[in-house]
């Protein structure tokens, strides 16, 4: 099943722009194994939400390695959700994997309610990422953010913001030491409490001043890896 998924990534995934052409020769070490090594951090039988799933990394990798998990792949772009749905069907994962088109903040009130684990790989800076992902986790659940070399700096910079968002003290974990070089860096944040979102302040602009509702919105675009 893993080989079949790798084949999908280096063929359809490249053609459809989900994986860069230069990534194809190193699809196993840089992408598949890089994601698979976080499996020990996920409890048995857990519900998992993969935010900004893109090509299914790490969500589909976890589904292949861990049939005990119930996984929801959340992705806002139609072409990516189409690929994810086709991959889930082709790999026979329909019983354990659900694909949802939308942004994390759009699906926070939908199923699954309160995931055990929320994953995200190279989606956004840690403070923004936690703001999107922690509301999807149950109290006592956790965010597993797959990060690169900047992980320690991000933790130091955003520690206070993570606490304000309801997260506990972030922990840096290195996964796959001795198996891949470099190992996968994961920032693990346990959700300590629910946080009520602050209401936006009413606008003080008068009619006709500045851009109105028809102007460009402030919603985020996809910042997913290539």
N, C-alpha and C. Protein backbone atom coordinates (compact mmCIF):
# COMPACT_ATOMS: atom_id res chain seq x y z
N UNK A 1 0.82 -1.20 0.00
CA UNK A 1 0.00 0.00 0.00
C UNK A 1 0.87 1.27 0.00
N UNK A 2 1.95 1.24 0.76
CA UNK A 2 2.86 2.38 0.80
C UNK A 2 3.52 2.61 -0.56
N UNK A 3 3.88 1.52 -1.21
CA UNK A 3 4.49 1.63 -2.54
C UNK A 3 3.48 2.21 -3.53
N UNK A 4 2.24 1.78 -3.44
CA UNK A 4 1.20 2.30 -4.33
C UNK A 4 1.00 3.79 -4.10
N UNK A 5 1.04 4.22 -2.85
CA UNK A 5 0.89 5.64 -2.54
C UNK A 5 2.08 6.44 -3.06
N UNK A 6 3.27 5.90 -2.88
CA UNK A 6 4.46 6.58 -3.41
C UNK A 6 4.36 6.74 -4.92
N UNK A 7 3.84 5.74 -5.59
CA UNK A 7 3.69 5.80 -7.05
C UNK A 7 2.69 6.90 -7.44
N UNK A 8 1.62 7.02 -6.68
CA UNK A 8 0.64 8.09 -6.94
C UNK A 8 1.28 9.47 -6.78
N UNK A 9 2.11 9.63 -5.75
CA UNK A 9 2.73 10.92 -5.49
C UNK A 9 3.68 11.33 -6.61
N UNK A 10 4.48 10.38 -7.10
CA UNK A 10 5.50 10.75 -8.10
C UNK A 10 4.95 10.76 -9.52
N UNK A 11 3.69 10.37 -9.69
CA UNK A 11 3.05 10.45 -11.02
C UNK A 11 1.97 11.54 -10.98
N UNK A 12 0.77 11.19 -10.55
CA UNK A 12 -0.32 12.17 -10.48
C UNK A 12 0.03 13.35 -9.58
N UNK A 13 0.70 13.07 -8.48
CA UNK A 13 1.04 14.14 -7.55
C UNK A 13 1.92 15.20 -8.18
N UNK A 14 2.87 14.78 -9.02
CA UNK A 14 3.75 15.72 -9.71
C UNK A 14 2.99 16.44 -10.83
N UNK A 15 2.25 15.67 -11.63
CA UNK A 15 1.51 16.25 -12.76
C UNK A 15 0.52 17.31 -12.28
N UNK A 16 -0.11 17.06 -11.13
CA UNK A 16 -1.13 17.96 -10.62
C UNK A 16 -0.58 19.02 -9.67
N UNK A 17 0.73 19.08 -9.55
CA UNK A 17 1.37 20.16 -8.81
C UNK A 17 1.35 20.01 -7.30
N UNK A 18 1.13 18.81 -6.79
CA UNK A 18 1.11 18.60 -5.35
C UNK A 18 2.50 18.28 -4.81
N UNK A 19 3.32 17.72 -5.66
CA UNK A 19 4.70 17.39 -5.30
C UNK A 19 5.60 17.98 -6.38
N UNK A 20 6.67 18.65 -5.97
CA UNK A 20 7.60 19.20 -6.95
C UNK A 20 8.36 18.11 -7.67
N UNK A 21 8.68 18.31 -8.96
CA UNK A 21 9.40 17.28 -9.73
C UNK A 21 10.72 16.85 -9.08
N UNK A 22 11.39 17.77 -8.42
CA UNK A 22 12.67 17.44 -7.79
C UNK A 22 12.49 16.58 -6.55
N UNK A 23 11.26 16.51 -6.04
CA UNK A 23 11.02 15.71 -4.84
C UNK A 23 10.83 14.23 -5.15
N UNK A 24 10.50 13.92 -6.40
CA UNK A 24 10.19 12.53 -6.76
C UNK A 24 11.31 11.54 -6.41
N UNK A 25 12.59 11.84 -6.70
CA UNK A 25 13.64 10.87 -6.39
C UNK A 25 13.84 10.63 -4.90
N UNK A 26 13.39 11.54 -4.06
CA UNK A 26 13.59 11.38 -2.62
C UNK A 26 12.26 11.30 -1.87
N UNK A 27 11.26 10.75 -2.54
CA UNK A 27 9.92 10.71 -1.97
C UNK A 27 9.85 9.90 -0.69
N UNK A 28 10.66 8.84 -0.60
CA UNK A 28 10.59 7.98 0.59
C UNK A 28 11.19 8.66 1.81
N UNK A 29 12.46 9.05 1.73
CA UNK A 29 13.12 9.59 2.91
C UNK A 29 12.58 10.95 3.31
N UNK A 30 12.39 11.82 2.32
CA UNK A 30 12.02 13.21 2.62
C UNK A 30 10.54 13.37 2.97
N UNK A 31 9.71 12.48 2.46
CA UNK A 31 8.27 12.66 2.65
C UNK A 31 7.61 11.50 3.39
N UNK A 32 7.68 10.29 2.84
CA UNK A 32 6.93 9.18 3.44
C UNK A 32 7.49 8.76 4.79
N UNK A 33 8.79 8.46 4.85
CA UNK A 33 9.38 8.05 6.13
C UNK A 33 9.40 9.22 7.10
N UNK A 34 9.64 10.41 6.56
CA UNK A 34 9.63 11.62 7.38
C UNK A 34 8.32 11.76 8.14
N UNK A 35 7.22 11.35 7.52
CA UNK A 35 5.92 11.42 8.17
C UNK A 35 5.64 10.17 9.02
N UNK A 36 6.03 9.02 8.52
CA UNK A 36 5.71 7.77 9.22
C UNK A 36 6.33 7.68 10.61
N UNK A 37 7.49 8.32 10.80
CA UNK A 37 8.19 8.18 12.08
C UNK A 37 7.48 8.91 13.23
N UNK A 38 6.45 9.71 12.94
CA UNK A 38 5.71 10.35 14.03
C UNK A 38 4.66 9.41 14.61
N UNK A 39 4.48 8.24 14.01
CA UNK A 39 3.44 7.31 14.44
C UNK A 39 3.48 6.98 15.94
N UNK A 40 4.66 6.79 16.56
CA UNK A 40 4.67 6.48 17.99
C UNK A 40 4.08 7.57 18.87
N UNK A 41 3.95 8.79 18.37
CA UNK A 41 3.37 9.88 19.15
C UNK A 41 1.84 9.86 19.13
N UNK A 42 1.26 8.99 18.29
CA UNK A 42 -0.20 8.94 18.14
C UNK A 42 -0.74 7.73 18.91
N UNK A 43 -1.62 7.95 19.88
CA UNK A 43 -2.14 6.83 20.68
C UNK A 43 -2.93 5.84 19.84
N UNK A 44 -3.01 4.62 20.32
CA UNK A 44 -3.77 3.57 19.63
C UNK A 44 -5.24 3.95 19.56
N UNK A 45 -5.84 3.77 18.38
CA UNK A 45 -7.26 4.02 18.18
C UNK A 45 -7.66 5.48 18.18
N UNK A 46 -6.69 6.38 18.03
CA UNK A 46 -6.97 7.82 18.12
C UNK A 46 -7.73 8.33 16.91
N UNK A 47 -8.48 9.41 17.13
CA UNK A 47 -9.05 10.18 16.02
C UNK A 47 -8.04 11.28 15.68
N UNK A 48 -7.77 11.44 14.39
CA UNK A 48 -6.72 12.34 13.92
C UNK A 48 -7.31 13.27 12.86
N UNK A 49 -7.00 14.57 12.98
CA UNK A 49 -7.35 15.53 11.94
C UNK A 49 -6.04 16.07 11.37
N UNK A 50 -5.85 15.93 10.06
CA UNK A 50 -4.65 16.43 9.38
C UNK A 50 -5.01 17.73 8.67
N UNK A 51 -4.48 18.84 9.16
CA UNK A 51 -4.84 20.16 8.67
C UNK A 51 -3.92 20.58 7.53
N UNK A 52 -4.51 21.11 6.45
CA UNK A 52 -3.72 21.48 5.28
C UNK A 52 -3.06 20.26 4.68
N UNK A 53 -3.83 19.22 4.48
CA UNK A 53 -3.28 17.89 4.16
C UNK A 53 -2.53 17.84 2.85
N UNK A 54 -2.87 18.71 1.90
CA UNK A 54 -2.11 18.76 0.64
C UNK A 54 -2.19 17.46 -0.13
N UNK A 55 -1.07 16.77 -0.22
CA UNK A 55 -1.01 15.49 -0.92
C UNK A 55 -1.26 14.32 0.02
N UNK A 56 -1.62 14.62 1.28
CA UNK A 56 -1.89 13.56 2.25
C UNK A 56 -0.76 13.30 3.21
N UNK A 57 0.08 14.31 3.40
CA UNK A 57 1.25 14.17 4.28
C UNK A 57 1.06 15.03 5.52
N UNK A 58 0.97 14.45 6.71
CA UNK A 58 1.19 13.04 7.03
C UNK A 58 -0.06 12.17 7.09
N UNK A 59 -1.25 12.72 6.80
CA UNK A 59 -2.49 12.00 7.05
C UNK A 59 -2.59 10.64 6.40
N UNK A 60 -2.35 10.56 5.09
CA UNK A 60 -2.46 9.28 4.40
C UNK A 60 -1.36 8.32 4.84
N UNK A 61 -0.17 8.86 5.09
CA UNK A 61 0.92 8.01 5.58
C UNK A 61 0.51 7.33 6.88
N UNK A 62 -0.07 8.09 7.81
CA UNK A 62 -0.52 7.51 9.08
C UNK A 62 -1.63 6.49 8.85
N UNK A 63 -2.52 6.76 7.90
CA UNK A 63 -3.61 5.82 7.61
C UNK A 63 -3.07 4.49 7.08
N UNK A 64 -2.04 4.57 6.25
CA UNK A 64 -1.43 3.35 5.71
C UNK A 64 -0.71 2.56 6.81
N UNK A 65 0.02 3.27 7.65
CA UNK A 65 0.81 2.61 8.69
C UNK A 65 -0.03 2.16 9.88
N UNK A 66 -1.16 2.87 10.11
CA UNK A 66 -1.94 2.64 11.33
C UNK A 66 -3.43 2.48 11.02
N UNK A 67 -3.85 1.27 10.64
CA UNK A 67 -5.27 1.07 10.34
C UNK A 67 -6.18 1.22 11.55
N UNK A 68 -5.60 1.35 12.75
CA UNK A 68 -6.41 1.53 13.96
C UNK A 68 -6.89 2.97 14.12
N UNK A 69 -6.35 3.88 13.32
CA UNK A 69 -6.68 5.30 13.46
C UNK A 69 -7.89 5.69 12.61
N UNK A 70 -8.63 6.70 13.07
CA UNK A 70 -9.70 7.31 12.28
C UNK A 70 -9.22 8.70 11.89
N UNK A 71 -9.07 8.96 10.60
CA UNK A 71 -8.35 10.14 10.13
C UNK A 71 -9.23 11.01 9.23
N UNK A 72 -9.21 12.31 9.49
CA UNK A 72 -9.90 13.28 8.65
C UNK A 72 -8.86 14.18 8.00
N UNK A 73 -8.88 14.26 6.69
CA UNK A 73 -7.96 15.11 5.94
C UNK A 73 -8.67 16.41 5.59
N UNK A 74 -8.16 17.53 6.11
CA UNK A 74 -8.78 18.84 5.88
C UNK A 74 -7.90 19.65 4.93
N UNK A 75 -8.47 20.05 3.82
CA UNK A 75 -7.70 20.74 2.77
C UNK A 75 -8.63 21.71 2.04
N UNK A 76 -8.25 22.98 1.88
CA UNK A 76 -9.16 23.95 1.27
C UNK A 76 -9.22 23.94 -0.25
N UNK A 77 -8.19 23.45 -0.93
CA UNK A 77 -8.13 23.56 -2.39
C UNK A 77 -8.79 22.37 -3.07
N UNK A 78 -9.64 22.66 -4.06
CA UNK A 78 -10.43 21.62 -4.73
C UNK A 78 -9.54 20.59 -5.42
N UNK A 79 -8.49 21.05 -6.12
CA UNK A 79 -7.66 20.09 -6.86
C UNK A 79 -6.94 19.14 -5.91
N UNK A 80 -6.63 19.63 -4.71
CA UNK A 80 -5.97 18.76 -3.74
C UNK A 80 -6.95 17.79 -3.09
N UNK A 81 -8.16 18.27 -2.77
CA UNK A 81 -9.14 17.35 -2.20
C UNK A 81 -9.54 16.29 -3.21
N UNK A 82 -9.55 16.65 -4.50
CA UNK A 82 -9.84 15.66 -5.53
C UNK A 82 -8.77 14.56 -5.54
N UNK A 83 -7.51 14.97 -5.47
CA UNK A 83 -6.43 13.98 -5.41
C UNK A 83 -6.55 13.12 -4.16
N UNK A 84 -6.81 13.75 -3.02
CA UNK A 84 -6.92 13.01 -1.77
C UNK A 84 -8.04 11.97 -1.84
N UNK A 85 -9.19 12.37 -2.35
CA UNK A 85 -10.32 11.44 -2.45
C UNK A 85 -9.99 10.27 -3.37
N UNK A 86 -9.35 10.57 -4.49
CA UNK A 86 -8.97 9.50 -5.41
C UNK A 86 -7.93 8.57 -4.79
N UNK A 87 -6.97 9.15 -4.05
CA UNK A 87 -5.94 8.33 -3.41
C UNK A 87 -6.54 7.43 -2.33
N UNK A 88 -7.45 7.99 -1.53
CA UNK A 88 -8.09 7.20 -0.47
C UNK A 88 -8.83 6.01 -1.06
N UNK A 89 -9.55 6.24 -2.15
CA UNK A 89 -10.28 5.14 -2.80
C UNK A 89 -9.32 4.13 -3.42
N UNK A 90 -8.30 4.62 -4.12
CA UNK A 90 -7.35 3.72 -4.79
C UNK A 90 -6.61 2.84 -3.78
N UNK A 91 -6.35 3.37 -2.59
CA UNK A 91 -5.60 2.62 -1.58
C UNK A 91 -6.51 1.80 -0.67
N UNK A 92 -7.82 1.90 -0.87
CA UNK A 92 -8.75 1.13 -0.06
C UNK A 92 -8.85 1.62 1.38
N UNK A 93 -8.75 2.95 1.56
CA UNK A 93 -8.75 3.52 2.91
C UNK A 93 -10.08 4.17 3.28
N UNK A 94 -11.12 3.93 2.48
CA UNK A 94 -12.40 4.62 2.68
C UNK A 94 -13.00 4.38 4.07
N UNK A 95 -12.71 3.23 4.67
CA UNK A 95 -13.30 2.90 5.96
C UNK A 95 -12.71 3.70 7.11
N UNK A 96 -11.49 4.20 6.94
CA UNK A 96 -10.82 4.88 8.05
C UNK A 96 -10.47 6.34 7.77
N UNK A 97 -10.60 6.78 6.51
CA UNK A 97 -10.17 8.14 6.15
C UNK A 97 -11.33 8.90 5.51
N UNK A 98 -11.52 10.14 5.96
CA UNK A 98 -12.53 11.04 5.42
C UNK A 98 -11.83 12.29 4.89
N UNK A 99 -12.22 12.76 3.72
CA UNK A 99 -11.66 13.97 3.13
C UNK A 99 -12.67 15.09 3.26
N UNK A 100 -12.25 16.23 3.81
CA UNK A 100 -13.12 17.38 4.00
C UNK A 100 -12.48 18.58 3.32
N UNK A 101 -13.23 19.22 2.42
CA UNK A 101 -12.72 20.44 1.80
C UNK A 101 -13.08 21.64 2.67
N UNK A 102 -12.07 22.39 3.08
CA UNK A 102 -12.31 23.57 3.89
C UNK A 102 -11.06 23.96 4.64
N UNK A 103 -11.11 25.13 5.25
CA UNK A 103 -10.03 25.59 6.11
C UNK A 103 -10.29 25.09 7.52
N UNK A 104 -9.25 25.02 8.32
CA UNK A 104 -9.41 24.52 9.69
C UNK A 104 -10.45 25.32 10.45
N UNK A 105 -10.43 26.65 10.29
CA UNK A 105 -11.36 27.48 11.03
C UNK A 105 -12.80 27.33 10.54
N UNK A 106 -12.98 26.79 9.33
CA UNK A 106 -14.33 26.57 8.80
C UNK A 106 -14.96 25.28 9.30
N UNK A 107 -14.13 24.31 9.69
CA UNK A 107 -14.65 22.99 10.07
C UNK A 107 -14.58 22.74 11.56
N UNK A 108 -14.25 23.78 12.34
CA UNK A 108 -14.05 23.58 13.78
C UNK A 108 -15.29 23.08 14.48
N UNK A 109 -16.49 23.43 13.98
CA UNK A 109 -17.73 22.99 14.62
C UNK A 109 -18.30 21.72 13.98
N UNK A 110 -17.61 21.19 12.99
CA UNK A 110 -18.11 19.99 12.33
C UNK A 110 -17.44 18.74 12.86
N UNK A 111 -17.78 17.58 12.31
CA UNK A 111 -17.15 16.34 12.74
C UNK A 111 -15.72 16.26 12.22
N UNK A 112 -14.81 15.55 12.91
CA UNK A 112 -15.06 14.96 14.23
C UNK A 112 -14.97 16.00 15.32
N UNK A 113 -15.79 15.87 16.35
CA UNK A 113 -15.80 16.84 17.44
C UNK A 113 -14.72 16.49 18.44
N UNK A 114 -13.73 17.35 18.52
CA UNK A 114 -12.68 17.14 19.50
C UNK A 114 -11.78 15.96 19.19
N UNK A 115 -10.86 16.14 18.24
CA UNK A 115 -9.95 15.06 17.86
C UNK A 115 -8.93 14.79 18.96
N UNK A 116 -8.45 13.56 19.01
CA UNK A 116 -7.38 13.21 19.95
C UNK A 116 -6.07 13.85 19.52
N UNK A 117 -5.84 13.89 18.21
CA UNK A 117 -4.58 14.41 17.68
C UNK A 117 -4.88 15.25 16.44
N UNK A 118 -4.24 16.40 16.35
CA UNK A 118 -4.29 17.22 15.14
C UNK A 118 -2.88 17.32 14.59
N UNK A 119 -2.70 17.02 13.32
CA UNK A 119 -1.38 17.08 12.70
C UNK A 119 -1.34 18.18 11.64
N UNK A 120 -0.14 18.69 11.41
CA UNK A 120 0.07 19.68 10.35
C UNK A 120 1.54 19.64 9.99
N UNK A 121 1.82 19.74 8.70
CA UNK A 121 3.21 19.67 8.24
C UNK A 121 3.55 20.91 7.43
N UNK A 122 4.43 21.75 8.00
CA UNK A 122 4.96 22.92 7.29
C UNK A 122 3.86 23.81 6.74
N UNK A 123 2.82 24.05 7.54
CA UNK A 123 1.68 24.82 7.06
C UNK A 123 1.86 26.31 7.27
N UNK A 124 2.30 26.72 8.48
CA UNK A 124 2.35 28.14 8.83
C UNK A 124 3.21 28.31 10.07
N UNK A 125 3.56 29.56 10.43
CA UNK A 125 4.25 29.81 11.70
C UNK A 125 3.46 29.23 12.87
N UNK A 126 4.16 28.89 13.93
CA UNK A 126 3.58 28.10 15.02
C UNK A 126 2.40 28.78 15.70
N UNK A 127 2.44 30.10 15.87
CA UNK A 127 1.33 30.76 16.55
C UNK A 127 0.05 30.70 15.71
N UNK A 128 0.16 30.97 14.42
CA UNK A 128 -1.02 30.88 13.55
C UNK A 128 -1.51 29.45 13.45
N UNK A 129 -0.57 28.52 13.34
CA UNK A 129 -0.92 27.12 13.22
C UNK A 129 -1.69 26.64 14.44
N UNK A 130 -1.23 27.01 15.62
CA UNK A 130 -1.92 26.62 16.85
C UNK A 130 -3.31 27.24 16.91
N UNK A 131 -3.43 28.48 16.42
CA UNK A 131 -4.74 29.13 16.41
C UNK A 131 -5.74 28.41 15.54
N UNK A 132 -5.28 27.79 14.47
CA UNK A 132 -6.16 27.02 13.60
C UNK A 132 -6.42 25.62 14.13
N UNK A 133 -5.39 25.00 14.71
CA UNK A 133 -5.45 23.57 15.01
C UNK A 133 -5.94 23.23 16.40
N UNK A 134 -5.56 23.99 17.41
CA UNK A 134 -5.96 23.64 18.77
C UNK A 134 -7.47 23.60 18.96
N UNK A 135 -8.27 24.48 18.31
CA UNK A 135 -9.72 24.37 18.46
C UNK A 135 -10.29 23.05 17.94
N UNK A 136 -9.56 22.35 17.09
CA UNK A 136 -10.03 21.08 16.55
C UNK A 136 -9.76 19.91 17.48
N UNK A 137 -8.92 20.13 18.50
CA UNK A 137 -8.55 19.06 19.42
C UNK A 137 -9.44 19.09 20.66
N UNK A 138 -9.66 17.94 21.25
CA UNK A 138 -10.36 17.89 22.54
C UNK A 138 -9.42 18.39 23.63
N UNK A 139 -9.97 18.76 24.77
CA UNK A 139 -9.14 19.11 25.91
C UNK A 139 -8.36 17.85 26.34
N UNK A 140 -7.06 17.99 26.42
CA UNK A 140 -6.20 16.83 26.68
C UNK A 140 -5.65 16.21 25.41
N UNK A 141 -6.22 16.60 24.27
CA UNK A 141 -5.67 16.17 22.99
C UNK A 141 -4.41 16.96 22.67
N UNK A 142 -3.84 16.71 21.49
CA UNK A 142 -2.57 17.37 21.19
C UNK A 142 -2.44 17.74 19.73
N UNK A 143 -1.63 18.76 19.52
CA UNK A 143 -1.20 19.16 18.19
C UNK A 143 0.20 18.63 17.96
N UNK A 144 0.40 17.96 16.84
CA UNK A 144 1.73 17.51 16.41
C UNK A 144 2.07 18.30 15.15
N UNK A 145 2.94 19.29 15.30
CA UNK A 145 3.33 20.15 14.18
C UNK A 145 4.70 19.71 13.67
N UNK A 146 4.74 19.20 12.44
CA UNK A 146 6.00 18.79 11.83
C UNK A 146 6.70 20.02 11.32
N UNK A 147 7.88 20.29 11.87
CA UNK A 147 8.60 21.51 11.57
C UNK A 147 10.02 21.19 11.10
N UNK A 148 10.71 22.24 10.63
CA UNK A 148 12.09 22.09 10.18
C UNK A 148 13.07 22.63 11.19
N UNK A 149 14.16 23.16 10.68
CA UNK A 149 15.25 23.62 11.54
C UNK A 149 14.87 24.80 12.42
N UNK A 150 13.80 25.51 12.05
CA UNK A 150 13.41 26.70 12.81
C UNK A 150 12.53 26.38 14.01
N UNK A 151 12.29 25.10 14.29
CA UNK A 151 11.31 24.73 15.32
C UNK A 151 11.64 25.33 16.68
N UNK A 152 12.89 25.22 17.11
CA UNK A 152 13.26 25.72 18.44
C UNK A 152 13.06 27.23 18.52
N UNK A 153 13.43 27.94 17.46
CA UNK A 153 13.25 29.39 17.44
C UNK A 153 11.76 29.76 17.49
N UNK A 154 10.93 29.00 16.76
CA UNK A 154 9.49 29.28 16.76
C UNK A 154 8.89 29.05 18.14
N UNK A 155 9.32 27.98 18.80
CA UNK A 155 8.82 27.70 20.15
C UNK A 155 9.18 28.84 21.09
N UNK A 156 10.42 29.30 21.03
CA UNK A 156 10.85 30.40 21.90
C UNK A 156 10.07 31.67 21.61
N UNK A 157 9.82 31.94 20.33
CA UNK A 157 9.14 33.18 19.94
C UNK A 157 7.66 33.18 20.29
N UNK A 158 7.02 32.01 20.18
CA UNK A 158 5.56 31.97 20.27
C UNK A 158 5.04 31.27 21.51
N UNK A 159 5.89 30.97 22.47
CA UNK A 159 5.47 30.23 23.66
C UNK A 159 4.28 30.92 24.37
N UNK A 160 4.38 32.23 24.56
CA UNK A 160 3.31 32.96 25.25
C UNK A 160 2.00 32.91 24.46
N UNK A 161 2.10 33.04 23.14
CA UNK A 161 0.89 32.98 22.30
C UNK A 161 0.24 31.61 22.38
N UNK A 162 1.04 30.56 22.44
CA UNK A 162 0.51 29.20 22.54
C UNK A 162 -0.28 29.03 23.83
N UNK A 163 0.23 29.59 24.91
CA UNK A 163 -0.49 29.51 26.18
C UNK A 163 -1.81 30.26 26.11
N UNK A 164 -1.81 31.42 25.47
CA UNK A 164 -3.05 32.19 25.34
C UNK A 164 -4.09 31.44 24.52
N UNK A 165 -3.63 30.61 23.61
CA UNK A 165 -4.53 29.85 22.74
C UNK A 165 -5.03 28.56 23.39
N UNK A 166 -4.64 28.33 24.64
CA UNK A 166 -5.11 27.15 25.37
C UNK A 166 -4.16 25.99 25.37
N UNK A 167 -2.96 26.18 24.81
CA UNK A 167 -1.98 25.11 24.75
C UNK A 167 -1.09 25.07 25.98
N UNK A 168 -0.59 23.89 26.29
CA UNK A 168 0.38 23.74 27.36
C UNK A 168 1.77 24.09 26.85
N UNK A 169 2.77 23.78 27.65
CA UNK A 169 4.14 24.10 27.27
C UNK A 169 4.56 23.22 26.09
N UNK A 170 5.00 23.81 24.98
CA UNK A 170 5.38 23.00 23.81
C UNK A 170 6.63 22.18 24.08
N UNK A 171 6.66 20.98 23.50
CA UNK A 171 7.78 20.07 23.66
C UNK A 171 8.34 19.73 22.28
N UNK A 172 9.64 19.84 22.12
CA UNK A 172 10.30 19.45 20.87
C UNK A 172 10.64 17.97 20.91
N UNK A 173 10.25 17.25 19.87
CA UNK A 173 10.57 15.82 19.79
C UNK A 173 11.25 15.53 18.46
N UNK A 174 12.27 14.70 18.51
CA UNK A 174 12.96 14.24 17.30
C UNK A 174 12.54 12.80 17.03
N UNK A 175 11.93 12.57 15.89
CA UNK A 175 11.39 11.25 15.53
C UNK A 175 12.23 10.65 14.40
N UNK A 176 12.51 9.36 14.51
CA UNK A 176 13.24 8.66 13.45
C UNK A 176 14.74 8.77 13.55
N UNK A 177 15.27 9.10 14.73
CA UNK A 177 16.72 9.17 14.88
C UNK A 177 17.33 7.80 14.59
N UNK A 178 18.37 7.79 13.77
CA UNK A 178 19.00 6.54 13.36
C UNK A 178 18.34 5.90 12.15
N UNK A 179 17.20 6.43 11.75
CA UNK A 179 16.49 5.90 10.58
C UNK A 179 16.56 6.87 9.41
N UNK A 180 16.35 8.17 9.69
CA UNK A 180 16.48 9.19 8.65
C UNK A 180 17.37 10.31 9.19
N UNK A 181 18.02 10.99 8.27
CA UNK A 181 18.93 12.08 8.63
C UNK A 181 18.61 13.29 7.75
N UNK A 182 18.17 14.40 8.33
CA UNK A 182 17.94 14.59 9.77
C UNK A 182 16.64 13.94 10.21
N UNK A 183 16.49 13.68 11.51
CA UNK A 183 15.22 13.16 12.00
C UNK A 183 14.13 14.20 11.87
N UNK A 184 12.90 13.75 11.97
CA UNK A 184 11.75 14.64 11.87
C UNK A 184 11.58 15.41 13.18
N UNK A 185 11.49 16.74 13.06
CA UNK A 185 11.29 17.57 14.24
C UNK A 185 9.80 17.85 14.40
N UNK A 186 9.28 17.51 15.57
CA UNK A 186 7.86 17.69 15.86
C UNK A 186 7.71 18.58 17.08
N UNK A 187 6.85 19.59 16.98
CA UNK A 187 6.48 20.38 18.15
C UNK A 187 5.15 19.81 18.66
N UNK A 188 5.18 19.28 19.86
CA UNK A 188 3.99 18.68 20.47
C UNK A 188 3.39 19.65 21.48
N UNK A 189 2.12 19.97 21.31
CA UNK A 189 1.43 20.91 22.20
C UNK A 189 0.14 20.25 22.68
N UNK A 190 0.03 20.02 23.97
CA UNK A 190 -1.19 19.46 24.55
C UNK A 190 -2.18 20.59 24.79
N UNK A 191 -3.43 20.37 24.43
CA UNK A 191 -4.46 21.38 24.66
C UNK A 191 -4.93 21.30 26.11
N UNK A 192 -4.66 22.35 26.87
CA UNK A 192 -5.03 22.39 28.28
C UNK A 192 -6.46 22.81 28.51
N UNK A 193 -6.98 23.69 27.63
CA UNK A 193 -8.31 24.26 27.89
C UNK A 193 -8.87 24.83 26.60
N UNK A 194 -10.18 24.97 26.57
CA UNK A 194 -10.85 25.66 25.46
C UNK A 194 -10.71 27.16 25.65
N UNK A 195 -10.56 27.87 24.55
CA UNK A 195 -10.45 29.32 24.58
C UNK A 195 -11.56 29.89 23.72
N UNK A 196 -12.35 30.80 24.29
CA UNK A 196 -13.42 31.45 23.54
C UNK A 196 -12.80 32.49 22.62
N UNK A 197 -13.04 32.40 21.30
CA UNK A 197 -12.46 33.38 20.38
C UNK A 197 -12.92 34.79 20.72
N UNK A 198 -12.00 35.73 20.63
CA UNK A 198 -12.34 37.13 20.92
C UNK A 198 -13.19 37.69 19.78
N UNK A 199 -14.18 38.50 20.14
CA UNK A 199 -15.05 39.09 19.12
C UNK A 199 -14.35 40.28 18.49
N UNK A 200 -14.46 40.44 17.16
CA UNK A 200 -13.83 41.59 16.51
C UNK A 200 -14.47 42.89 16.97
N UNK A 201 -13.66 43.92 17.09
CA UNK A 201 -14.17 45.23 17.48
C UNK A 201 -15.01 45.81 16.35
N UNK A 202 -16.10 46.51 16.68
CA UNK A 202 -16.92 47.11 15.61
C UNK A 202 -16.13 48.14 14.84
N UNK A 203 -16.40 48.22 13.55
CA UNK A 203 -15.69 49.15 12.69
C UNK A 203 -16.05 50.59 13.02
N UNK A 204 -15.05 51.47 12.98
CA UNK A 204 -15.30 52.89 13.21
C UNK A 204 -15.32 53.67 11.90
N UNK A 205 -15.20 52.95 10.76
CA UNK A 205 -15.23 53.62 9.48
C UNK A 205 -16.63 54.10 9.15
N UNK A 206 -16.72 55.23 8.49
CA UNK A 206 -18.00 55.73 8.02
C UNK A 206 -18.27 55.21 6.63
N UNK A 207 -19.51 55.27 6.23
CA UNK A 207 -19.87 54.77 4.90
C UNK A 207 -19.06 55.48 3.83
N UNK A 208 -18.54 54.66 2.92
CA UNK A 208 -17.81 55.23 1.79
C UNK A 208 -16.34 55.44 2.07
N UNK A 209 -15.89 55.21 3.31
CA UNK A 209 -14.46 55.40 3.60
C UNK A 209 -13.77 54.06 3.55
N UNK A 210 -12.80 53.93 2.67
CA UNK A 210 -12.04 52.68 2.59
C UNK A 210 -12.79 51.64 1.79
N UNK A 211 -12.24 50.41 1.82
CA UNK A 211 -12.80 49.33 1.03
C UNK A 211 -13.99 48.71 1.74
N UNK A 212 -15.03 48.44 1.06
CA UNK A 212 -16.23 47.86 1.64
C UNK A 212 -16.21 46.36 1.60
N UNK A 213 -17.38 45.75 1.84
CA UNK A 213 -17.47 44.29 1.93
C UNK A 213 -17.15 43.63 0.62
N UNK A 214 -17.26 44.36 -0.47
CA UNK A 214 -16.98 43.74 -1.75
C UNK A 214 -15.51 43.70 -2.08
N UNK A 215 -14.66 44.31 -1.22
CA UNK A 215 -13.22 44.31 -1.47
C UNK A 215 -12.59 42.99 -1.12
N UNK A 216 -11.28 42.95 -1.22
CA UNK A 216 -10.55 41.71 -0.97
C UNK A 216 -10.64 41.36 0.50
N UNK A 217 -10.98 40.11 0.81
CA UNK A 217 -11.10 39.66 2.19
C UNK A 217 -9.75 39.40 2.82
N UNK A 218 -9.80 39.05 4.11
CA UNK A 218 -8.57 38.80 4.85
C UNK A 218 -8.32 37.33 5.07
N UNK A 219 -9.15 36.45 4.46
CA UNK A 219 -8.96 35.02 4.67
C UNK A 219 -7.64 34.57 4.09
N UNK A 220 -7.04 33.54 4.71
CA UNK A 220 -5.73 33.08 4.28
C UNK A 220 -5.86 32.23 3.03
N UNK A 221 -4.85 32.25 2.20
CA UNK A 221 -4.77 31.31 1.10
C UNK A 221 -4.03 30.09 1.56
N UNK A 222 -3.78 29.13 0.68
CA UNK A 222 -3.04 27.94 1.07
C UNK A 222 -1.57 28.28 1.20
N UNK A 223 -0.98 27.87 2.32
CA UNK A 223 0.47 28.05 2.51
C UNK A 223 1.13 26.69 2.55
N UNK A 224 0.49 25.70 1.94
CA UNK A 224 0.99 24.34 2.02
C UNK A 224 2.28 24.18 1.23
N UNK A 225 3.08 23.25 1.70
CA UNK A 225 4.33 22.96 1.01
C UNK A 225 4.08 22.50 -0.41
N UNK A 226 5.06 22.57 -1.25
CA UNK A 226 4.89 22.08 -2.60
C UNK A 226 5.03 20.62 -2.69
